[in-house]
PDB file of all heavy atoms in Angstrom:
ATOM      1  N   GLY A   1      95.651 174.899 104.148  1.00  0.00           N
ATOM      2  CA  GLY A   1      94.876 176.001 104.565  1.00  0.00           C
ATOM      3  C   GLY A   1      94.048 175.738 105.850  1.00  0.00           C
ATOM      4  O   GLY A   1      94.055 176.591 106.729  1.00  0.00           O
ATOM      5  N   SER A   2      93.505 174.548 105.939  1.00  0.00           N
ATOM      6  CA  SER A   2      92.687 174.241 107.126  1.00  0.00           C
ATOM      7  C   SER A   2      93.564 174.119 108.372  1.00  0.00           C
ATOM      8  O   SER A   2      93.145 174.509 109.464  1.00  0.00           O
ATOM      9  CB  SER A   2      91.852 173.012 106.910  1.00  0.00           C
ATOM     10  OG  SER A   2      92.613 171.842 106.895  1.00  0.00           O
ATOM     11  N   VAL A   3      94.770 173.568 108.184  1.00  0.00           N
ATOM     12  CA  VAL A   3      95.689 173.493 109.349  1.00  0.00           C
ATOM     13  C   VAL A   3      96.061 174.872 109.827  1.00  0.00           C
ATOM     14  O   VAL A   3      96.039 175.147 111.055  1.00  0.00           O
ATOM     15  CB  VAL A   3      96.978 172.682 108.954  1.00  0.00           C
ATOM     16  CG1 VAL A   3      98.050 172.809 110.045  1.00  0.00           C
ATOM     17  CG2 VAL A   3      96.622 171.193 108.754  1.00  0.00           C
ATOM     18  N   ILE A   4      96.440 175.753 108.925  1.00  0.00           N
ATOM     19  CA  ILE A   4      96.785 177.097 109.316  1.00  0.00           C
ATOM     20  C   ILE A   4      95.619 177.809 109.965  1.00  0.00           C
ATOM     21  O   ILE A   4      95.771 178.453 111.021  1.00  0.00           O
ATOM     22  CB  ILE A   4      97.266 177.921 108.070  1.00  0.00           C
ATOM     23  CG1 ILE A   4      98.642 177.335 107.613  1.00  0.00           C
ATOM     24  CG2 ILE A   4      97.408 179.402 108.394  1.00  0.00           C
ATOM     25  CD1 ILE A   4      99.137 177.871 106.280  1.00  0.00           C
ATOM     26  N   ALA A   5      94.418 177.672 109.404  1.00  0.00           N
ATOM     27  CA  ALA A   5      93.259 178.310 109.972  1.00  0.00           C
ATOM     28  C   ALA A   5      92.943 177.744 111.370  1.00  0.00           C
ATOM     29  O   ALA A   5      92.606 178.506 112.307  1.00  0.00           O
ATOM     30  CB  ALA A   5      92.017 178.070 109.068  1.00  0.00           C
ATOM     31  N   ASP A   6      93.101 176.449 111.564  1.00  0.00           N
ATOM     32  CA  ASP A   6      92.879 175.841 112.883  1.00  0.00           C
ATOM     33  C   ASP A   6      93.836 176.374 113.925  1.00  0.00           C
ATOM     34  O   ASP A   6      93.438 176.671 115.045  1.00  0.00           O
ATOM     35  CB  ASP A   6      92.927 174.322 112.784  1.00  0.00           C
ATOM     36  CG  ASP A   6      91.731 173.727 112.050  1.00  0.00           C
ATOM     37  OD1 ASP A   6      90.754 174.463 111.817  1.00  0.00           O
ATOM     38  OD2 ASP A   6      91.817 172.537 111.739  1.00  0.00           O
ATOM     39  N   PHE A   7      95.122 176.456 113.571  1.00  0.00           N
ATOM     40  CA  PHE A   7      96.098 177.015 114.523  1.00  0.00           C
ATOM     41  C   PHE A   7      95.772 178.453 114.853  1.00  0.00           C
ATOM     42  O   PHE A   7      95.877 178.912 116.008  1.00  0.00           O
ATOM     43  CB  PHE A   7      97.518 176.895 113.972  1.00  0.00           C
ATOM     44  CG  PHE A   7      98.154 175.541 114.223  1.00  0.00           C
ATOM     45  CD1 PHE A   7      98.426 174.683 113.175  1.00  0.00           C
ATOM     46  CD2 PHE A   7      98.512 175.124 115.493  1.00  0.00           C
ATOM     47  CE1 PHE A   7      99.023 173.464 113.413  1.00  0.00           C
ATOM     48  CE2 PHE A   7      99.088 173.899 115.763  1.00  0.00           C
ATOM     49  CZ  PHE A   7      99.362 173.048 114.677  1.00  0.00           C
ATOM     50  N   ARG A   8      95.348 179.229 113.851  1.00  0.00           N
ATOM     51  CA  ARG A   8      95.001 180.606 114.053  1.00  0.00           C
ATOM     52  C   ARG A   8      93.806 180.728 114.996  1.00  0.00           C
ATOM     53  O   ARG A   8      93.810 181.549 115.935  1.00  0.00           O
ATOM     54  CB  ARG A   8      94.695 181.312 112.724  1.00  0.00           C
ATOM     55  CG  ARG A   8      94.217 182.774 112.869  1.00  0.00           C
ATOM     56  CD  ARG A   8      93.881 183.415 111.554  1.00  0.00           C
ATOM     57  NE  ARG A   8      92.831 182.758 110.818  1.00  0.00           N
ATOM     58  CZ  ARG A   8      91.517 182.827 111.127  1.00  0.00           C
ATOM     59  NH1 ARG A   8      91.082 183.564 112.129  1.00  0.00           N
ATOM     60  NH2 ARG A   8      90.632 182.154 110.369  1.00  0.00           N
ATOM     61  N   LYS A   9      92.783 179.928 114.749  1.00  0.00           N
ATOM     62  CA  LYS A   9      91.609 179.948 115.593  1.00  0.00           C
ATOM     63  C   LYS A   9      91.878 179.507 117.041  1.00  0.00           C
ATOM     64  O   LYS A   9      91.323 180.045 118.001  1.00  0.00           O
ATOM     65  CB  LYS A   9      90.504 179.100 115.002  1.00  0.00           C
ATOM     66  CG  LYS A   9      89.973 179.674 113.718  1.00  0.00           C
ATOM     67  CD  LYS A   9      89.031 178.689 113.010  1.00  0.00           C
ATOM     68  CE  LYS A   9      88.615 179.250 111.629  1.00  0.00           C
ATOM     69  NZ  LYS A   9      87.874 178.245 110.856  1.00  0.00           N
ATOM     70  N   LYS A  10      92.766 178.525 117.204  1.00  0.00           N
ATOM     71  CA  LYS A  10      93.200 178.061 118.548  1.00  0.00           C
ATOM     72  C   LYS A  10      93.847 179.226 119.350  1.00  0.00           C
ATOM     73  O   LYS A  10      93.660 179.324 120.567  1.00  0.00           O
ATOM     74  CB  LYS A  10      94.166 176.939 118.480  1.00  0.00           C
ATOM     75  CG  LYS A  10      93.565 175.583 118.228  1.00  0.00           C
ATOM     76  CD  LYS A  10      94.578 174.494 118.223  1.00  0.00           C
ATOM     77  CE  LYS A  10      94.032 173.211 117.564  1.00  0.00           C
ATOM     78  NZ  LYS A  10      95.091 172.226 117.321  1.00  0.00           N
ATOM     79  N   LYS A  11      94.559 180.066 118.628  1.00  0.00           N
ATOM     80  CA  LYS A  11      95.213 181.207 119.257  1.00  0.00           C
ATOM     81  C   LYS A  11      94.210 182.420 119.419  1.00  0.00           C
ATOM     82  O   LYS A  11      94.600 183.476 119.964  1.00  0.00           O
ATOM     83  CB  LYS A  11      96.432 181.677 118.457  1.00  0.00           C
ATOM     84  CG  LYS A  11      97.551 180.665 118.389  1.00  0.00           C
ATOM     85  CD  LYS A  11      98.399 180.705 119.611  1.00  0.00           C
ATOM     86  CE  LYS A  11      99.597 179.791 119.478  1.00  0.00           C
ATOM     87  NZ  LYS A  11     100.577 179.949 120.509  1.00  0.00           N
ATOM     88  N   ARG A  12      93.020 182.254 118.866  1.00  0.00           N
ATOM     89  CA  ARG A  12      92.003 183.281 118.907  1.00  0.00           C
ATOM     90  C   ARG A  12      92.483 184.588 118.286  1.00  0.00           C
ATOM     91  O   ARG A  12      92.392 185.672 118.869  1.00  0.00           O
ATOM     92  CB  ARG A  12      91.521 183.500 120.323  1.00  0.00           C
ATOM     93  CG  ARG A  12      90.794 182.334 120.880  1.00  0.00           C
ATOM     94  CD  ARG A  12      90.142 182.664 122.196  1.00  0.00           C
ATOM     95  NE  ARG A  12      89.204 181.585 122.571  1.00  0.00           N
ATOM     96  CZ  ARG A  12      89.235 180.958 123.716  1.00  0.00           C
ATOM     97  NH1 ARG A  12      90.164 181.299 124.635  1.00  0.00           N
ATOM     98  NH2 ARG A  12      88.379 180.030 123.989  1.00  0.00           N
ATOM     99  N   ILE A  13      93.082 184.439 117.075  1.00  0.00           N
ATOM    100  CA  ILE A  13      93.606 185.606 116.329  1.00  0.00           C
ATOM    101  C   ILE A  13      92.791 185.712 115.056  1.00  0.00           C
ATOM    102  O   ILE A  13      92.542 184.704 114.357  1.00  0.00           O
ATOM    103  CB  ILE A  13      95.111 185.377 116.002  1.00  0.00           C
ATOM    104  CG1 ILE A  13      95.922 185.289 117.300  1.00  0.00           C
ATOM    105  CG2 ILE A  13      95.634 186.533 115.143  1.00  0.00           C
ATOM    106  CD1 ILE A  13      97.373 184.925 117.067  1.00  0.00           C
ATOM    107  N   SER A  14      92.423 186.891 114.710  1.00  0.00           N
ATOM    108  CA  SER A  14      91.695 187.102 113.451  1.00  0.00           C
ATOM    109  C   SER A  14      92.670 187.033 112.249  1.00  0.00           C
ATOM    110  O   SER A  14      93.860 187.154 112.420  1.00  0.00           O
ATOM    111  CB  SER A  14      90.994 188.460 113.416  1.00  0.00           C
ATOM    112  OG  SER A  14      91.968 189.499 113.389  1.00  0.00           O
ATOM    113  N   GLN A  15      92.100 186.877 111.088  1.00  0.00           N
ATOM    114  CA  GLN A  15      92.924 186.895 109.887  1.00  0.00           C
ATOM    115  C   GLN A  15      93.614 188.253 109.751  1.00  0.00           C
ATOM    116  O   GLN A  15      94.783 188.299 109.314  1.00  0.00           O
ATOM    117  CB  GLN A  15      92.081 186.646 108.607  1.00  0.00           C
ATOM    118  CG  GLN A  15      91.688 185.212 108.411  1.00  0.00           C
ATOM    119  CD  GLN A  15      90.911 184.989 107.114  1.00  0.00           C
ATOM    120  OE1 GLN A  15      90.389 185.957 106.542  1.00  0.00           O
ATOM    121  NE2 GLN A  15      90.828 183.755 106.672  1.00  0.00           N
ATOM    122  N   GLU A  16      92.898 189.272 110.077  1.00  0.00           N
ATOM    123  CA  GLU A  16      93.482 190.618 109.987  1.00  0.00           C
ATOM    124  C   GLU A  16      94.684 190.774 110.881  1.00  0.00           C
ATOM    125  O   GLU A  16      95.754 191.297 110.456  1.00  0.00           O
ATOM    126  CB  GLU A  16      92.417 191.657 110.413  1.00  0.00           C
ATOM    127  CG  GLU A  16      92.760 193.119 110.156  1.00  0.00           C
ATOM    128  CD  GLU A  16      92.697 193.475 108.671  1.00  0.00           C
ATOM    129  OE1 GLU A  16      91.837 192.968 107.980  1.00  0.00           O
ATOM    130  OE2 GLU A  16      93.547 194.279 108.267  1.00  0.00           O
ATOM    131  N   VAL A  17      94.589 190.308 112.082  1.00  0.00           N
ATOM    132  CA  VAL A  17      95.740 190.397 113.038  1.00  0.00           C
ATOM    133  C   VAL A  17      96.885 189.533 112.586  1.00  0.00           C
ATOM    134  O   VAL A  17      98.038 189.954 112.543  1.00  0.00           O
ATOM    135  CB  VAL A  17      95.260 190.041 114.469  1.00  0.00           C
ATOM    136  CG1 VAL A  17      96.486 189.903 115.407  1.00  0.00           C
ATOM    137  CG2 VAL A  17      94.313 191.127 115.002  1.00  0.00           C
ATOM    138  N   LEU A  18      96.596 188.281 112.255  1.00  0.00           N
ATOM    139  CA  LEU A  18      97.641 187.330 111.807  1.00  0.00           C
ATOM    140  C   LEU A  18      98.351 187.853 110.571  1.00  0.00           C
ATOM    141  O   LEU A  18      99.602 187.840 110.508  1.00  0.00           O
ATOM    142  CB  LEU A  18      97.083 185.935 111.585  1.00  0.00           C
ATOM    143  CG  LEU A  18      98.092 184.912 111.091  1.00  0.00           C
ATOM    144  CD1 LEU A  18      99.236 184.768 112.120  1.00  0.00           C
ATOM    145  CD2 LEU A  18      97.458 183.575 110.827  1.00  0.00           C
ATOM    146  N   SER A  19      97.577 188.341 109.605  1.00  0.00           N
ATOM    147  CA  SER A  19      98.256 188.827 108.379  1.00  0.00           C
ATOM    148  C   SER A  19      99.123 190.031 108.691  1.00  0.00           C
ATOM    149  O   SER A  19     100.256 190.165 108.099  1.00  0.00           O
ATOM    150  CB  SER A  19      97.214 189.200 107.324  1.00  0.00           C
ATOM    151  OG  SER A  19      96.391 190.250 107.753  1.00  0.00           O
ATOM    152  N   GLY A  20      98.712 190.886 109.627  1.00  0.00           N
ATOM    153  CA  GLY A  20      99.564 191.980 110.045  1.00  0.00           C
ATOM    154  C   GLY A  20     100.846 191.564 110.717  1.00  0.00           C
ATOM    155  O   GLY A  20     101.955 192.049 110.408  1.00  0.00           O
ATOM    156  N   LEU A  21     100.707 190.586 111.658  1.00  0.00           N
ATOM    157  CA  LEU A  21     101.889 190.094 112.389  1.00  0.00           C
ATOM    158  C   LEU A  21     102.848 189.366 111.438  1.00  0.00           C
ATOM    159  O   LEU A  21     104.038 189.393 111.620  1.00  0.00           O
ATOM    160  CB  LEU A  21     101.449 189.128 113.497  1.00  0.00           C
ATOM    161  CG  LEU A  21     100.674 189.748 114.664  1.00  0.00           C
ATOM    162  CD1 LEU A  21     100.130 188.649 115.586  1.00  0.00           C
ATOM    163  CD2 LEU A  21     101.599 190.651 115.447  1.00  0.00           C
ATOM    164  N   ALA A  22     102.287 188.688 110.412  1.00  0.00           N
ATOM    165  CA  ALA A  22     103.108 187.930 109.491  1.00  0.00           C
ATOM    166  C   ALA A  22     103.591 188.758 108.310  1.00  0.00           C
ATOM    167  O   ALA A  22     104.388 188.307 107.471  1.00  0.00           O
ATOM    168  CB  ALA A  22     102.354 186.718 108.988  1.00  0.00           C
ATOM    169  N   ASP A  23     103.097 189.996 108.241  1.00  0.00           N
ATOM    170  CA  ASP A  23     103.428 190.958 107.122  1.00  0.00           C
ATOM    171  C   ASP A  23     103.093 190.352 105.745  1.00  0.00           C
ATOM    172  O   ASP A  23     103.888 190.358 104.845  1.00  0.00           O
ATOM    173  CB  ASP A  23     104.921 191.354 107.176  1.00  0.00           C
ATOM    174  CG  ASP A  23     105.193 192.560 106.335  1.00  0.00           C
ATOM    175  OD1 ASP A  23     104.287 193.402 106.157  1.00  0.00           O
ATOM    176  OD2 ASP A  23     106.317 192.662 105.801  1.00  0.00           O
ATOM    177  N   ILE A  24     101.843 189.786 105.686  1.00  0.00           N
ATOM    178  CA  ILE A  24     101.313 189.319 104.391  1.00  0.00           C
ATOM    179  C   ILE A  24      99.926 189.954 104.293  1.00  0.00           C
ATOM    180  O   ILE A  24      99.316 190.364 105.258  1.00  0.00           O
ATOM    181  CB  ILE A  24     101.277 187.806 104.329  1.00  0.00           C
ATOM    182  CG1 ILE A  24     100.325 187.201 105.396  1.00  0.00           C
ATOM    183  CG2 ILE A  24     102.637 187.191 104.335  1.00  0.00           C
ATOM    184  CD1 ILE A  24     100.130 185.698 105.265  1.00  0.00           C
ATOM    185  N   GLY A  25      99.456 190.020 103.080  1.00  0.00           N
ATOM    186  CA  GLY A  25      98.103 190.579 102.874  1.00  0.00           C
ATOM    187  C   GLY A  25      96.988 189.737 103.441  1.00  0.00           C
ATOM    188  O   GLY A  25      97.095 188.480 103.417  1.00  0.00           O
ATOM    189  N   ARG A  26      95.954 190.384 103.939  1.00  0.00           N
ATOM    190  CA  ARG A  26      94.850 189.590 104.498  1.00  0.00           C
ATOM    191  C   ARG A  26      94.150 188.736 103.457  1.00  0.00           C
ATOM    192  O   ARG A  26      93.757 187.600 103.714  1.00  0.00           O
ATOM    193  CB  ARG A  26      93.814 190.493 105.243  1.00  0.00           C
ATOM    194  CG  ARG A  26      92.844 189.650 106.092  1.00  0.00           C
ATOM    195  CD  ARG A  26      91.523 190.331 106.356  1.00  0.00           C
ATOM    196  NE  ARG A  26      90.818 190.665 105.152  1.00  0.00           N
ATOM    197  CZ  ARG A  26      90.108 189.798 104.416  1.00  0.00           C
ATOM    198  NH1 ARG A  26      90.047 188.508 104.718  1.00  0.00           N
ATOM    199  NH2 ARG A  26      89.459 190.183 103.331  1.00  0.00           N
ATOM    200  N   THR A  27      94.028 189.272 102.255  1.00  0.00           N
ATOM    201  CA  THR A  27      93.409 188.504 101.141  1.00  0.00           C
ATOM    202  C   THR A  27      94.264 187.318 100.810  1.00  0.00           C
ATOM    203  O   THR A  27      93.734 186.250 100.443  1.00  0.00           O
ATOM    204  CB  THR A  27      93.078 189.388  99.949  1.00  0.00           C
ATOM    205  OG1 THR A  27      94.285 190.068  99.527  1.00  0.00           O
ATOM    206  CG2 THR A  27      92.051 190.458 100.249  1.00  0.00           C
ATOM    207  N   HIS A  28      95.573 187.487 100.875  1.00  0.00           N
ATOM    208  CA  HIS A  28      96.492 186.376 100.591  1.00  0.00           C
ATOM    209  C   HIS A  28      96.315 185.267 101.648  1.00  0.00           C
ATOM    210  O   HIS A  28      96.192 184.076 101.334  1.00  0.00           O
ATOM    211  CB  HIS A  28      97.932 186.891 100.547  1.00  0.00           C
ATOM    212  CG  HIS A  28      98.944 185.886 100.200  1.00  0.00           C
ATOM    213  ND1 HIS A  28     100.284 186.122 100.195  1.00  0.00           N
ATOM    214  CD2 HIS A  28      98.841 184.568  99.755  1.00  0.00           C
ATOM    215  CE1 HIS A  28     100.935 185.026  99.807  1.00  0.00           C
ATOM    216  NE2 HIS A  28     100.054 184.084  99.538  1.00  0.00           N
ATOM    217  N   LEU A  29      96.294 185.696 102.920  1.00  0.00           N
ATOM    218  CA  LEU A  29      96.081 184.730 103.984  1.00  0.00           C
ATOM    219  C   LEU A  29      94.734 184.066 103.841  1.00  0.00           C
ATOM    220  O   LEU A  29      94.621 182.812 104.002  1.00  0.00           O
ATOM    221  CB  LEU A  29      96.173 185.384 105.377  1.00  0.00           C
ATOM    222  CG  LEU A  29      95.851 184.503 106.565  1.00  0.00           C
ATOM    223  CD1 LEU A  29      96.849 183.367 106.665  1.00  0.00           C
ATOM    224  CD2 LEU A  29      95.855 185.348 107.860  1.00  0.00           C
ATOM    225  N   SER A  30      93.717 184.770 103.509  1.00  0.00           N
ATOM    226  CA  SER A  30      92.375 184.224 103.320  1.00  0.00           C
ATOM    227  C   SER A  30      92.384 183.170 102.190  1.00  0.00           C
ATOM    228  O   SER A  30      91.809 182.086 102.344  1.00  0.00           O
ATOM    229  CB  SER A  30      91.412 185.319 103.000  1.00  0.00           C
ATOM    230  OG  SER A  30      90.105 184.794 102.772  1.00  0.00           O
ATOM    231  N   ALA A  31      93.078 183.491 101.104  1.00  0.00           N
ATOM    232  CA  ALA A  31      93.148 182.511 100.009  1.00  0.00           C
ATOM    233  C   ALA A  31      93.894 181.266 100.411  1.00  0.00           C
ATOM    234  O   ALA A  31      93.541 180.154  99.979  1.00  0.00           O
ATOM    235  CB  ALA A  31      93.856 183.206  98.795  1.00  0.00           C
ATOM    236  N   ILE A  32      94.960 181.410 101.201  1.00  0.00           N
ATOM    237  CA  ILE A  32      95.708 180.268 101.714  1.00  0.00           C
ATOM    238  C   ILE A  32      94.774 179.416 102.583  1.00  0.00           C
ATOM    239  O   ILE A  32      94.720 178.194 102.410  1.00  0.00           O
ATOM    240  CB  ILE A  32      96.969 180.706 102.533  1.00  0.00           C
ATOM    241  CG1 ILE A  32      97.989 181.323 101.564  1.00  0.00           C
ATOM    242  CG2 ILE A  32      97.538 179.539 103.276  1.00  0.00           C
ATOM    243  CD1 ILE A  32      99.155 182.018 102.296  1.00  0.00           C
ATOM    244  N   GLU A  33      94.055 180.016 103.486  1.00  0.00           N
ATOM    245  CA  GLU A  33      93.171 179.286 104.424  1.00  0.00           C
ATOM    246  C   GLU A  33      92.041 178.567 103.664  1.00  0.00           C
ATOM    247  O   GLU A  33      91.596 177.518 104.100  1.00  0.00           O
ATOM    248  CB  GLU A  33      92.635 180.198 105.486  1.00  0.00           C
ATOM    249  CG  GLU A  33      93.667 180.575 106.534  1.00  0.00           C
ATOM    250  CD  GLU A  33      93.096 181.283 107.724  1.00  0.00           C
ATOM    251  OE1 GLU A  33      91.885 181.498 107.809  1.00  0.00           O
ATOM    252  OE2 GLU A  33      93.879 181.617 108.637  1.00  0.00           O
ATOM    253  N   ARG A  34      91.597 179.145 102.552  1.00  0.00           N
ATOM    254  CA  ARG A  34      90.512 178.498 101.758  1.00  0.00           C
ATOM    255  C   ARG A  34      91.088 177.442 100.838  1.00  0.00           C
ATOM    256  O   ARG A  34      90.330 176.729 100.178  1.00  0.00           O
ATOM    257  CB  ARG A  34      89.783 179.565 100.940  1.00  0.00           C
ATOM    258  CG  ARG A  34      88.920 180.472 101.757  1.00  0.00           C
ATOM    259  CD  ARG A  34      88.001 181.314 100.889  1.00  0.00           C
ATOM    260  NE  ARG A  34      88.646 181.939  99.771  1.00  0.00           N
ATOM    261  CZ  ARG A  34      89.215 183.129  99.778  1.00  0.00           C
ATOM    262  NH1 ARG A  34      89.217 183.866 100.891  1.00  0.00           N
ATOM    263  NH2 ARG A  34      89.795 183.685  98.695  1.00  0.00           N
ATOM    264  N   GLY A  35      92.395 177.318 100.754  1.00  0.00           N
ATOM    265  CA  GLY A  35      92.969 176.334  99.888  1.00  0.00           C
ATOM    266  C   GLY A  35      93.108 176.782  98.445  1.00  0.00           C
ATOM    267  O   GLY A  35      93.362 175.965  97.549  1.00  0.00           O
ATOM    268  N   GLU A  36      93.003 178.072  98.181  1.00  0.00           N
ATOM    269  CA  GLU A  36      93.104 178.587  96.804  1.00  0.00           C
ATOM    270  C   GLU A  36      94.569 178.851  96.465  1.00  0.00           C
ATOM    271  O   GLU A  36      94.880 178.954  95.291  1.00  0.00           O
ATOM    272  CB  GLU A  36      92.250 179.846  96.688  1.00  0.00           C
ATOM    273  CG  GLU A  36      90.763 179.564  96.835  1.00  0.00           C
ATOM    274  CD  GLU A  36      89.943 180.844  96.856  1.00  0.00           C
ATOM    275  OE1 GLU A  36      90.504 181.938  96.745  1.00  0.00           O
ATOM    276  OE2 GLU A  36      88.700 180.727  97.029  1.00  0.00           O
ATOM    277  N   ARG A  37      95.391 179.042  97.462  1.00  0.00           N
ATOM    278  CA  ARG A  37      96.814 179.286  97.244  1.00  0.00           C
ATOM    279  C   ARG A  37      97.640 178.519  98.232  1.00  0.00           C
ATOM    280  O   ARG A  37      97.167 178.220  99.336  1.00  0.00           O
ATOM    281  CB  ARG A  37      97.138 180.772  97.407  1.00  0.00           C
ATOM    282  CG  ARG A  37      96.416 181.683  96.427  1.00  0.00           C
ATOM    283  CD  ARG A  37      96.888 183.080  96.476  1.00  0.00           C
ATOM    284  NE  ARG A  37      98.261 183.140  95.978  1.00  0.00           N
ATOM    285  CZ  ARG A  37      98.961 184.251  95.852  1.00  0.00           C
ATOM    286  NH1 ARG A  37      98.445 185.410  96.183  1.00  0.00           N
ATOM    287  NH2 ARG A  37     100.196 184.217  95.370  1.00  0.00           N
ATOM    288  N   LYS A  38      98.820 178.132  97.802  1.00  0.00           N
ATOM    289  CA  LYS A  38      99.726 177.416  98.728  1.00  0.00           C
ATOM    290  C   LYS A  38     100.797 178.439  99.168  1.00  0.00           C
ATOM    291  O   LYS A  38     101.320 179.193  98.401  1.00  0.00           O
ATOM    292  CB  LYS A  38     100.449 176.255  98.009  1.00  0.00           C
ATOM    293  CG  LYS A  38      99.562 175.078  97.683  1.00  0.00           C
ATOM    294  CD  LYS A  38     100.321 174.027  96.977  1.00  0.00           C
ATOM    295  CE  LYS A  38      99.401 172.958  96.458  1.00  0.00           C
ATOM    296  NZ  LYS A  38     100.120 171.928  95.673  1.00  0.00           N
ATOM    297  N   PRO A  39     101.063 178.414 100.478  1.00  0.00           N
ATOM    298  CA  PRO A  39     102.111 179.383 100.964  1.00  0.00           C
ATOM    299  C   PRO A  39     103.525 178.936 100.589  1.00  0.00           C
ATOM    300  O   PRO A  39     103.794 177.722 100.516  1.00  0.00           O
ATOM    301  CB  PRO A  39     101.924 179.332 102.494  1.00  0.00           C
ATOM    302  CG  PRO A  39     101.413 177.971 102.769  1.00  0.00           C
ATOM    303  CD  PRO A  39     100.540 177.649 101.579  1.00  0.00           C
ATOM    304  N   THR A  40     104.367 179.880 100.287  1.00  0.00           N
ATOM    305  CA  THR A  40     105.774 179.562 100.086  1.00  0.00           C
ATOM    306  C   THR A  40     106.346 179.217 101.457  1.00  0.00           C
ATOM    307  O   THR A  40     105.710 179.460 102.522  1.00  0.00           O
ATOM    308  CB  THR A  40     106.538 180.798  99.513  1.00  0.00           C
ATOM    309  OG1 THR A  40     106.478 181.867 100.505  1.00  0.00           O
ATOM    310  CG2 THR A  40     106.006 181.232  98.163  1.00  0.00           C
ATOM    311  N   LEU A  41     107.569 178.687 101.479  1.00  0.00           N
ATOM    312  CA  LEU A  41     108.205 178.418 102.781  1.00  0.00           C
ATOM    313  C   LEU A  41     108.387 179.700 103.547  1.00  0.00           C
ATOM    314  O   LEU A  41     108.201 179.704 104.782  1.00  0.00           O
ATOM    315  CB  LEU A  41     109.585 177.764 102.544  1.00  0.00           C
ATOM    316  CG  LEU A  41     109.540 176.260 102.239  1.00  0.00           C
ATOM    317  CD1 LEU A  41     110.961 175.765 101.932  1.00  0.00           C
ATOM    318  CD2 LEU A  41     108.944 175.479 103.389  1.00  0.00           C
TER     319      LEU A  41
END
């Protein structure tokens, strides 16, 4: 989660924007970044 969050922050993209571009829910992305969920491949 921290690696994904760091790459997102380096690109200066919000969770809202990244989740939209990746077609995943923002709450799902947030849970991944907090380490509460692991992303599938």
